[in-house]
């Protein structure tokens, strides 16, 4: 059972319990259990509705709001105890005092919710919040990174977090791909869903489906960025455009393709490597092979070795608009 199904089940059980509790109360106070059951179910539904409205209101925001409320209360208390309200008739002092409490409490909560941990450290100089390690911070992932398929292998190296958040609208996007009439899209969607299920079954990984009520009319990329802001999460993708949009809005975005480029082993003249000679070159004596990242290597005097793996020595490197092109000789 995934997180969304468990939450919905708990909501149903809660409404049933409040209905049963209302029946007992109605039987005790009004001698009519039906009135109590109706009131209990209505109360349970009201609480569930409040829970739905508070979606996206995390424990971090709640704790920040509580601290801001306390600061606002202290500020209001100091103002009211200063004697400014003495000239006001006692009958009106309670109303003005209530207004002051409400205003300062609201301002305190809003300021606290918008503040980060470092700003709290300035307010309370001798208290320092433990910074969460990068490996512990959940990563918000999109459909592209799931379809890519390299994520489980990357996680096994220990370089990134083992906790992932998949928004519900990303799951729906994969389901639409899996139900597509185009065979290629259908295979991609089904393979991505299988990979996601495999990741959920892996005991060393934590994959949670985040139910969100963001506007469906907004495109997926902007919803991902907005959700990353709400959750204070980092975004993991291989979509360069999405990374650019996220970084422009202050969201930390990790591009798996960028990591692949950085980890690409540098080759220079004189290096020896093994390459599979897969096709003919432009010249009659040349054969062409490719590295794992798609980089082309043109090997001289190797036409007769087509279809074989041969050890070659890099002789020169040519930088082109589409990347680097290597020329080599048989070792």
Protein backbone atom coordinates (compact mmCIF):
# COMPACT_ATOMS: atom_id res chain seq x y z
CA UNK A 1 0.00 0.00 0.00
CA UNK A 2 1.44 3.37 -1.00
CA UNK A 3 1.32 6.54 1.07
CA UNK A 4 -1.74 8.02 -0.69
CA UNK A 5 -3.83 4.86 -0.13
CA UNK A 6 -2.80 4.69 3.53
CA UNK A 7 -3.79 8.33 4.09
CA UNK A 8 -7.21 7.84 2.45
CA UNK A 9 -7.80 4.70 4.53
CA UNK A 10 -6.97 6.58 7.75
CA UNK A 11 -9.39 9.36 6.77
CA UNK A 12 -12.21 6.86 6.21
CA UNK A 13 -11.50 5.08 9.50
CA UNK A 14 -11.45 8.42 11.32
CA UNK A 15 -14.89 9.41 9.92
CA UNK A 16 -16.29 5.97 10.86
CA UNK A 17 -14.87 6.31 14.38
CA UNK A 18 -16.32 9.81 14.87
CA UNK A 19 -19.69 8.50 13.64
CA UNK A 20 -19.57 5.65 16.18
CA UNK A 21 -18.47 8.02 18.93
CA UNK A 22 -21.33 10.37 18.00
CA UNK A 23 -23.77 7.48 18.27
CA UNK A 24 -22.66 6.79 21.85
CA UNK A 25 -22.88 10.49 22.76
CA UNK A 26 -26.34 10.84 21.12
CA UNK A 27 -27.64 7.82 22.98
CA UNK A 28 -26.38 9.25 26.30
CA UNK A 29 -27.52 12.88 25.93
CA UNK A 30 -30.50 12.89 23.56
CA UNK A 31 -31.63 9.23 23.72
CA UNK A 32 -31.43 9.26 19.92
CA UNK A 33 -28.25 7.72 18.52
CA UNK A 34 -29.10 8.88 14.98
CA UNK A 35 -28.65 12.55 15.88
CA UNK A 36 -25.31 11.79 17.52
CA UNK A 37 -24.14 9.70 14.54
CA UNK A 38 -25.02 12.52 12.13
CA UNK A 39 -23.15 15.07 14.26
CA UNK A 40 -20.17 12.72 14.63
CA UNK A 41 -19.88 12.03 10.90
CA UNK A 42 -20.27 15.76 10.14
CA UNK A 43 -17.51 16.58 12.64
CA UNK A 44 -15.22 13.90 11.17
CA UNK A 45 -15.79 15.18 7.63
CA UNK A 46 -15.07 18.73 8.79
CA UNK A 47 -11.74 17.62 10.27
CA UNK A 48 -10.85 15.72 7.05
CA UNK A 49 -11.75 18.82 5.00
CA UNK A 50 -9.48 20.91 7.24
CA UNK A 51 -6.72 18.34 6.67
CA UNK A 52 -7.16 18.68 2.88
CA UNK A 53 -7.05 22.48 3.09
CA UNK A 54 -3.83 22.29 5.13
CA UNK A 55 -2.08 20.14 2.51
CA UNK A 56 1.40 21.53 1.96
CA UNK A 57 1.44 22.96 5.53
CA UNK A 58 4.40 20.98 6.85
CA UNK A 59 5.57 20.38 10.41
CA UNK A 60 8.45 22.81 9.78
CA UNK A 61 5.97 25.56 8.86
CA UNK A 62 3.81 24.73 11.88
CA UNK A 63 6.76 24.93 14.28
CA UNK A 64 7.88 28.22 12.71
CA UNK A 65 4.35 29.64 12.99
CA UNK A 66 4.18 28.61 16.67
CA UNK A 67 7.42 30.41 17.44
CA UNK A 68 6.23 33.48 15.52
CA UNK A 69 2.94 33.42 17.44
CA UNK A 70 4.84 33.36 20.72
CA UNK A 71 7.06 36.29 19.67
CA UNK A 72 3.99 38.26 18.56
CA UNK A 73 2.30 37.54 21.88
CA UNK A 74 5.32 38.81 23.84
CA UNK A 75 5.49 41.98 21.71
CA UNK A 76 1.76 42.59 22.26
CA UNK A 77 2.11 42.03 26.00
CA UNK A 78 4.96 44.54 26.24
CA UNK A 79 2.98 47.13 24.29
CA UNK A 80 -0.18 46.71 26.37
CA UNK A 81 1.76 46.78 29.67
CA UNK A 82 3.50 50.02 28.68
CA UNK A 83 0.53 52.10 29.84
CA UNK A 84 -0.51 53.44 26.45
CA UNK A 85 -4.09 52.27 26.98
CA UNK A 86 -4.61 53.97 30.38
CA UNK A 87 -6.44 57.01 28.93
CA UNK A 88 -8.88 54.70 27.10
CA UNK A 89 -12.08 53.73 28.94
CA UNK A 90 -11.87 50.23 30.49
CA UNK A 91 -14.91 49.09 28.49
CA UNK A 92 -12.96 49.60 25.25
CA UNK A 93 -9.54 48.47 26.42
CA UNK A 94 -10.32 44.76 25.94
CA UNK A 95 -11.33 45.34 22.30
CA UNK A 96 -8.17 47.33 21.51
CA UNK A 97 -6.07 44.77 23.39
CA UNK A 98 -7.62 41.93 21.36
CA UNK A 99 -6.83 43.84 18.15
CA UNK A 100 -3.20 44.36 19.22
CA UNK A 101 -2.80 40.66 20.12
CA UNK A 102 -4.31 39.51 16.81
CA UNK A 103 -2.23 41.94 14.72
CA UNK A 104 1.15 41.22 16.33
CA UNK A 105 0.48 37.47 16.42
CA UNK A 106 -0.35 37.44 12.70
CA UNK A 107 2.73 39.49 11.80
CA UNK A 108 4.93 37.26 13.98
CA UNK A 109 3.63 34.08 12.32
CA UNK A 110 4.07 35.41 8.80
CA UNK A 111 7.63 36.61 9.49
CA UNK A 112 8.56 33.29 11.10
CA UNK A 113 7.13 31.20 8.23
CA UNK A 114 9.11 33.23 5.68
CA UNK A 115 12.35 33.00 7.67
CA UNK A 116 14.98 30.29 7.32
CA UNK A 117 17.14 28.57 9.92
CA UNK A 118 20.01 31.02 9.64
CA UNK A 119 17.68 33.93 10.40
CA UNK A 120 16.41 32.10 13.49
CA UNK A 121 20.02 31.71 14.57
CA UNK A 122 20.42 35.52 14.44
CA UNK A 123 17.33 35.91 16.61
CA UNK A 124 18.54 33.31 19.13
CA UNK A 125 22.37 33.71 19.02
CA UNK A 126 23.24 30.78 21.26
CA UNK A 127 21.03 28.25 19.47
CA UNK A 128 22.23 26.61 16.28
CA UNK A 129 20.08 24.27 14.22
CA UNK A 130 21.77 21.10 13.01
CA UNK A 131 22.19 21.33 9.26
CA UNK A 132 20.71 18.33 7.54
CA UNK A 133 23.27 16.43 5.51
CA UNK A 134 22.81 16.37 1.75
CA UNK A 135 22.48 12.57 1.87
CA UNK A 136 19.46 12.93 4.21
CA UNK A 137 17.55 15.55 2.22
CA UNK A 138 14.78 14.02 0.04
CA UNK A 139 15.04 14.62 -3.68
CA UNK A 140 12.04 15.62 -5.77
CA UNK A 141 12.19 13.66 -9.05
CA UNK A 142 10.41 14.10 -12.37
CA UNK A 143 9.25 11.62 -15.01
CA UNK A 144 12.40 12.04 -17.13
CA UNK A 145 14.72 10.84 -14.39
CA UNK A 146 12.52 7.78 -13.77
CA UNK A 147 12.39 6.94 -17.50
CA UNK A 148 16.18 7.46 -17.72
CA UNK A 149 16.79 4.35 -15.59
CA UNK A 150 20.21 5.30 -14.18
CA UNK A 151 18.89 6.47 -10.81
CA UNK A 152 19.05 3.15 -8.86
CA UNK A 153 22.66 2.55 -9.92
CA UNK A 154 23.60 6.11 -8.97
CA UNK A 155 21.97 5.73 -5.54
CA UNK A 156 23.88 2.50 -4.92
CA UNK A 157 27.14 4.49 -5.07
CA UNK A 158 26.08 6.52 -2.02
CA UNK A 159 26.74 9.92 -3.61
CA UNK A 160 23.11 11.13 -3.41
CA UNK A 161 20.16 10.80 -1.05
CA UNK A 162 18.25 7.54 -0.77
CA UNK A 163 14.95 9.36 -0.14
CA UNK A 164 12.80 10.43 -3.08
CA UNK A 165 9.53 12.28 -3.48
CA UNK A 166 7.34 11.58 -6.51
CA UNK A 167 4.50 14.12 -6.93
CA UNK A 168 1.10 12.62 -7.72
CA UNK A 169 0.91 14.55 -11.00
CA UNK A 170 4.18 12.94 -12.14
CA UNK A 171 2.68 9.52 -11.39
CA UNK A 172 -0.39 10.46 -13.45
CA UNK A 173 1.91 11.57 -16.28
CA UNK A 174 3.60 8.15 -16.29
CA UNK A 175 0.21 6.41 -16.23
CA UNK A 176 -0.90 8.44 -19.26
CA UNK A 177 2.30 7.42 -21.07
CA UNK A 178 1.67 3.75 -20.19
CA UNK A 179 -1.88 4.02 -21.62
CA UNK A 180 -0.78 5.86 -24.79
CA UNK A 181 -1.79 4.57 -28.22
CA UNK A 182 1.78 5.08 -29.47
CA UNK A 183 3.86 1.99 -28.83
CA UNK A 184 7.09 3.82 -28.01
CA UNK A 185 5.42 6.08 -25.43
CA UNK A 186 3.50 3.12 -23.99
CA UNK A 187 6.68 1.09 -23.50
CA UNK A 188 8.45 4.06 -21.90
CA UNK A 189 5.58 4.63 -19.47
CA UNK A 190 5.26 0.97 -18.47
CA UNK A 191 9.01 0.59 -18.03
CA UNK A 192 9.11 3.74 -15.88
CA UNK A 193 6.27 2.45 -13.66
CA UNK A 194 8.07 -0.89 -13.27
CA UNK A 195 11.26 0.92 -12.27
CA UNK A 196 9.36 3.01 -9.75
CA UNK A 197 7.79 -0.11 -8.20
CA UNK A 198 11.22 -1.76 -8.02
CA UNK A 199 12.57 1.29 -6.20
CA UNK A 200 9.65 1.21 -3.73
CA UNK A 201 10.32 -2.45 -2.96
CA UNK A 202 14.00 -1.75 -2.31
CA UNK A 203 14.38 -1.64 1.50
CA UNK A 204 17.39 0.68 1.27
CA UNK A 205 15.36 3.37 -0.57
CA UNK A 206 12.49 5.57 0.55
CA UNK A 207 10.10 6.49 -2.26
CA UNK A 208 6.99 8.42 -1.26
CA UNK A 209 4.12 9.63 -3.44
CA UNK A 210 3.24 13.21 -2.52
CA UNK A 211 -0.41 14.11 -2.95
CA UNK A 212 -0.71 17.72 -4.03
CA UNK A 213 -3.58 20.00 -5.01
CA UNK A 214 -1.62 22.32 -7.31
CA UNK A 215 -3.45 23.85 -10.25
CA UNK A 216 -3.67 21.28 -13.08
CA UNK A 217 -3.75 24.11 -15.65
CA UNK A 218 -0.15 25.03 -14.79
CA UNK A 219 2.46 23.08 -16.77
CA UNK A 220 4.31 20.23 -15.08
CA UNK A 221 7.70 22.00 -14.89
CA UNK A 222 6.30 25.01 -12.99
CA UNK A 223 4.35 22.72 -10.65
CA UNK A 224 7.55 20.83 -9.88
CA UNK A 225 9.41 24.05 -9.09
CA UNK A 226 6.53 25.34 -6.93
CA UNK A 227 6.34 22.05 -5.00
CA UNK A 228 10.13 22.06 -4.48
CA UNK A 229 9.76 25.51 -2.89
CA UNK A 230 6.92 24.34 -0.62
CA UNK A 231 8.84 21.25 0.53
CA UNK A 232 12.24 23.01 0.62
CA UNK A 233 13.49 20.06 -1.44
CA UNK A 234 16.12 19.71 -4.12
CA UNK A 235 15.05 18.79 -7.65
CA UNK A 236 16.72 15.89 -9.49
CA UNK A 237 16.22 15.65 -13.27
CA UNK A 238 18.02 15.29 -16.59
CA UNK A 239 15.97 18.05 -18.26
CA UNK A 240 18.22 21.06 -18.89
CA UNK A 241 15.28 23.44 -19.42
CA UNK A 242 13.66 22.41 -16.12
CA UNK A 243 17.00 22.93 -14.34
CA UNK A 244 17.29 26.44 -15.77
CA UNK A 245 13.73 27.35 -14.72
CA UNK A 246 14.30 25.98 -11.21
CA UNK A 247 17.64 27.71 -10.67
CA UNK A 248 16.26 31.05 -11.87
CA UNK A 249 13.62 30.75 -9.12
CA UNK A 250 16.11 29.87 -6.39
CA UNK A 251 15.49 26.10 -6.30
CA UNK A 252 18.50 23.78 -6.08
CA UNK A 253 18.35 21.58 -9.20
CA UNK A 254 20.65 18.63 -9.89
CA UNK A 255 21.08 17.59 -13.52
CA UNK A 256 22.14 13.97 -13.96
CA UNK A 257 23.54 14.78 -17.42
CA UNK A 258 25.81 17.43 -15.88
CA UNK A 259 27.18 14.81 -13.51
CA UNK A 260 27.75 12.45 -16.42
CA UNK A 261 29.72 15.12 -18.28
CA UNK A 262 31.87 15.92 -15.26
CA UNK A 263 32.64 12.24 -14.65
CA UNK A 264 33.57 11.66 -18.29
CA UNK A 265 37.19 10.42 -18.30
CA UNK A 266 39.42 12.88 -20.19
CA UNK A 267 41.31 11.42 -23.12
CA UNK A 268 44.44 12.93 -24.62
CA UNK A 269 47.03 12.03 -27.22
CA UNK A 270 48.99 8.93 -26.23
CA UNK A 271 46.21 7.27 -24.19
CA UNK A 272 45.36 3.64 -24.99
CA UNK A 273 41.78 2.33 -24.90
CA UNK A 274 39.77 -0.58 -26.25
CA UNK A 275 37.03 0.26 -28.73
CA UNK A 276 34.52 -1.71 -30.76
CA UNK A 277 34.97 -0.82 -34.44
CA UNK A 278 31.36 -0.74 -35.59
CA UNK A 279 31.30 0.99 -38.97
CA UNK A 280 33.39 2.26 -41.87
CA UNK A 281 35.08 5.66 -41.80
CA UNK A 282 35.10 8.38 -44.43
CA UNK A 283 38.44 7.24 -45.81
CA UNK A 284 38.85 3.78 -47.34
CA UNK A 285 41.26 2.64 -44.61
CA UNK A 286 39.36 4.03 -41.59
CA UNK A 287 37.02 2.36 -39.11
CA UNK A 288 34.87 4.13 -36.55
CA UNK A 289 34.08 3.22 -32.97
CA UNK A 290 32.25 4.94 -30.14
CA UNK A 291 32.83 5.42 -26.43
CA UNK A 292 30.01 4.72 -23.96
CA UNK A 293 29.03 8.40 -23.96
CA UNK A 294 28.75 8.45 -27.77
CA UNK A 295 32.09 10.13 -28.51
CA UNK A 296 33.37 9.11 -31.95
CA UNK A 297 36.85 7.61 -32.44
CA UNK A 298 38.21 7.34 -35.99
CA UNK A 299 40.89 4.63 -36.26
CA UNK A 300 43.30 4.72 -39.20
CA UNK A 301 44.33 1.53 -41.05
CA UNK A 302 41.58 -0.46 -39.30
CA UNK A 303 39.01 -1.17 -42.04
CA UNK A 304 39.84 -4.88 -41.99
CA UNK A 305 39.04 -5.05 -38.23
CA UNK A 306 35.36 -4.00 -38.53
CA UNK A 307 33.07 -5.72 -36.01
CA UNK A 308 35.93 -6.43 -33.60
CA UNK A 309 37.20 -4.89 -30.38
CA UNK A 310 40.71 -3.55 -30.78
CA UNK A 311 43.15 -1.66 -28.58
CA UNK A 312 44.00 1.71 -30.08
CA UNK A 313 46.23 4.66 -29.21
CA UNK A 314 44.82 8.20 -29.39
CA UNK A 315 46.88 10.23 -31.85
CA UNK A 316 45.00 13.56 -31.95
CA UNK A 317 41.87 15.31 -30.69
CA UNK A 318 39.67 17.61 -32.75
CA UNK A 319 37.17 19.92 -31.02
CA UNK A 320 33.98 20.31 -33.10
CA UNK A 321 30.69 22.14 -32.54
CA UNK A 322 29.04 18.85 -31.57
CA UNK A 323 31.80 17.74 -29.22
CA UNK A 324 35.24 16.15 -29.34
CA UNK A 325 36.39 13.88 -32.18
CA UNK A 326 39.31 11.50 -31.58
CA UNK A 327 41.70 10.05 -34.13
CA UNK A 328 43.60 6.91 -33.23
CA UNK A 329 46.01 4.27 -34.51
CA UNK A 330 45.98 0.53 -33.85
CA UNK A 331 48.23 -0.34 -30.89
